[in-house]
Amino acid sequence: MSVDKTGKWLFVANYNNGSVAAYPIKATVRWRSSATFQHAGKSVDAQRQSGPHAHIAAISPDTLRVGVDLGLDEVLSYRIDPAKAG
C-alpha cells in the first residue's frame, strides 16, 4: 500500500487476484475503489507466473502510480483523476 504526497489517495496491490486499486481518502470512511486496474497474462515460469500477481503499489515522486506484477514480470503505470479524490 502507498499513500500519495497529498494524502488524498491510497494505492493498493492485490496479490491474489492480480489487480491494483486506488481509493480516495476522505474525512468519512468509505472504502469504495474509484479505480481498479485488473492485470492479465502470464510469464515464462509456469509454476510461479501462471497468472497476474500484483506485488507492489507505489507512487513515484512525480505522483505517477506504479504497479509491479510478479506474475507478469512487468512494471505498469496508471493515471488517476485527481478530481475524484476527497
C-alpha atoms as a PDB file:
ATOM      1  CA  MET A   1       0.000   0.000   0.000  1.00  0.00           C
ATOM      2  CA  SER A   2       1.070   3.571  -0.628  1.00  0.00           C
ATOM      3  CA  VAL A   3      -0.384   6.999   0.096  1.00  0.00           C
ATOM      4  CA  ASP A   4       0.372   9.838  -2.315  1.00  0.00           C
ATOM      5  CA  LYS A   5       2.121  13.011  -1.131  1.00  0.00           C
ATOM      6  CA  THR A   6      -1.174  14.949  -0.965  1.00  0.00           C
ATOM      7  CA  GLY A   7      -2.642  12.363   1.406  1.00  0.00           C
ATOM      8  CA  LYS A   8      -5.714  12.038  -0.822  1.00  0.00           C
ATOM      9  CA  TRP A   9      -5.090   8.607  -2.391  1.00  0.00           C
ATOM     10  CA  LEU A  10      -4.427   5.112  -1.042  1.00  0.00           C
ATOM     11  CA  PHE A  11      -2.996   2.791  -3.697  1.00  0.00           C
ATOM     12  CA  VAL A  12      -3.206  -0.989  -3.029  1.00  0.00           C
ATOM     13  CA  ALA A  13      -1.783  -4.085  -4.760  1.00  0.00           C
ATOM     14  CA  ASN A  14      -3.968  -7.210  -4.594  1.00  0.00           C
ATOM     15  CA  TYR A  15      -1.557 -10.135  -4.982  1.00  0.00           C
ATOM     16  CA  ASN A  16      -4.133 -12.952  -5.121  1.00  0.00           C
ATOM     17  CA  ASN A  17      -6.301 -11.563  -7.916  1.00  0.00           C
ATOM     18  CA  GLY A  18      -3.590  -9.586  -9.726  1.00  0.00           C
ATOM     19  CA  SER A  19      -5.099  -6.113  -9.570  1.00  0.00           C
ATOM     20  CA  VAL A  20      -4.205  -2.661  -8.315  1.00  0.00           C
ATOM     21  CA  ALA A  21      -6.826  -0.300  -6.851  1.00  0.00           C
ATOM     22  CA  ALA A  22      -6.932   3.390  -5.955  1.00  0.00           C
ATOM     23  CA  TYR A  23      -9.037   4.597  -3.023  1.00  0.00           C
ATOM     24  CA  PRO A  24      -9.735   8.265  -2.350  1.00  0.00           C
ATOM     25  CA  ILE A  25      -9.036   9.159   1.288  1.00  0.00           C
ATOM     26  CA  LYS A  26     -11.872  11.243   2.670  1.00  0.00           C
ATOM     27  CA  ALA A  27     -12.882  12.586   6.068  1.00  0.00           C
ATOM     28  CA  THR A  28     -15.584   9.925   6.268  1.00  0.00           C
ATOM     29  CA  VAL A  29     -14.691   6.266   5.925  1.00  0.00           C
ATOM     30  CA  ARG A  30     -15.926   4.937   2.613  1.00  0.00           C
ATOM     31  CA  TRP A  31     -13.825   2.167   1.156  1.00  0.00           C
ATOM     32  CA  ARG A  32     -15.022   2.072  -2.425  1.00  0.00           C
ATOM     33  CA  SER A  33     -12.360   1.971  -5.058  1.00  0.00           C
ATOM     34  CA  SER A  34     -12.586   4.772  -7.588  1.00  0.00           C
ATOM     35  CA  ALA A  35     -10.275   2.944  -9.979  1.00  0.00           C
ATOM     36  CA  THR A  36      -9.288  -0.708 -10.308  1.00  0.00           C
ATOM     37  CA  PHE A  37      -6.732  -1.990 -12.774  1.00  0.00           C
ATOM     38  CA  GLN A  38      -7.023  -5.731 -13.437  1.00  0.00           C
ATOM     39  CA  HIS A  39      -3.842  -7.280 -14.770  1.00  0.00           C
ATOM     40  CA  ALA A  40      -3.978 -10.184 -17.240  1.00  0.00           C
ATOM     41  CA  GLY A  41      -1.453 -12.574 -18.720  1.00  0.00           C
ATOM     42  CA  LYS A  42       1.422 -14.761 -17.568  1.00  0.00           C
ATOM     43  CA  SER A  43       5.186 -15.050 -17.880  1.00  0.00           C
ATOM     44  CA  VAL A  44       7.875 -17.690 -18.504  1.00  0.00           C
ATOM     45  CA  ASP A  45       7.933 -19.583 -15.162  1.00  0.00           C
ATOM     46  CA  ALA A  46       4.787 -21.750 -15.392  1.00  0.00           C
ATOM     47  CA  GLN A  47       4.833 -22.615 -11.667  1.00  0.00           C
ATOM     48  CA  ARG A  48       5.168 -19.104 -10.267  1.00  0.00           C
ATOM     49  CA  GLN A  49       3.867 -16.992 -13.117  1.00  0.00           C
ATOM     50  CA  SER A  50       0.755 -18.711 -14.468  1.00  0.00           C
ATOM     51  CA  GLY A  51      -1.266 -15.544 -13.889  1.00  0.00           C
ATOM     52  CA  PRO A  52      -1.025 -11.990 -12.581  1.00  0.00           C
ATOM     53  CA  HIS A  53       0.187 -11.282  -9.034  1.00  0.00           C
ATOM     54  CA  ALA A  54       0.250  -7.543  -8.331  1.00  0.00           C
ATOM     55  CA  HIS A  55       3.208  -7.272  -5.984  1.00  0.00           C
ATOM     56  CA  ILE A  56       3.774  -3.565  -5.303  1.00  0.00           C
ATOM     57  CA  ALA A  57       1.600  -0.457  -5.403  1.00  0.00           C
ATOM     58  CA  ALA A  58       3.814   2.611  -5.230  1.00  0.00           C
ATOM     59  CA  ILE A  59       3.713   6.284  -6.059  1.00  0.00           C
ATOM     60  CA  SER A  60       6.744   7.918  -7.594  1.00  0.00           C
ATOM     61  CA  PRO A  61       7.903  11.418  -6.553  1.00  0.00           C
ATOM     62  CA  ASP A  62       6.098  12.910  -9.558  1.00  0.00           C
ATOM     63  CA  THR A  63       2.864  11.178  -8.385  1.00  0.00           C
ATOM     64  CA  LEU A  64       2.865   8.553 -11.134  1.00  0.00           C
ATOM     65  CA  ARG A  65       1.058   5.497  -9.814  1.00  0.00           C
ATOM     66  CA  VAL A  66       3.139   2.380 -10.407  1.00  0.00           C
ATOM     67  CA  GLY A  67       2.277  -1.297 -10.030  1.00  0.00           C
ATOM     68  CA  VAL A  68       4.747  -4.158 -10.200  1.00  0.00           C
ATOM     69  CA  ASP A  69       3.347  -7.557 -11.142  1.00  0.00           C
ATOM     70  CA  LEU A  70       5.398 -10.619 -10.182  1.00  0.00           C
ATOM     71  CA  GLY A  71       3.300 -12.982 -12.295  1.00  0.00           C
ATOM     72  CA  LEU A  72       3.747 -10.921 -15.462  1.00  0.00           C
ATOM     73  CA  ASP A  73       7.316  -9.649 -14.985  1.00  0.00           C
ATOM     74  CA  GLU A  74       6.036  -6.133 -15.685  1.00  0.00           C
ATOM     75  CA  VAL A  75       6.068  -2.654 -14.216  1.00  0.00           C
ATOM     76  CA  LEU A  76       2.844  -0.821 -15.091  1.00  0.00           C
ATOM     77  CA  SER A  77       1.764   2.783 -14.640  1.00  0.00           C
ATOM     78  CA  TYR A  78      -1.718   4.204 -14.089  1.00  0.00           C
ATOM     79  CA  ARG A  79      -3.438   7.562 -14.356  1.00  0.00           C
ATOM     80  CA  ILE A  80      -5.805   8.628 -11.584  1.00  0.00           C
ATOM     81  CA  ASP A  81      -8.223  11.558 -11.922  1.00  0.00           C
ATOM     82  CA  PRO A  82      -7.289  13.880  -9.006  1.00  0.00           C
ATOM     83  CA  ALA A  83     -10.792  15.406  -9.096  1.00  0.00           C
ATOM     84  CA  LYS A  84     -12.223  12.114  -7.797  1.00  0.00           C
ATOM     85  CA  ALA A  85     -10.238  12.327  -4.532  1.00  0.00           C
ATOM     86  CA  GLY A  86     -11.709  13.834  -1.385  1.00  0.00           C
END
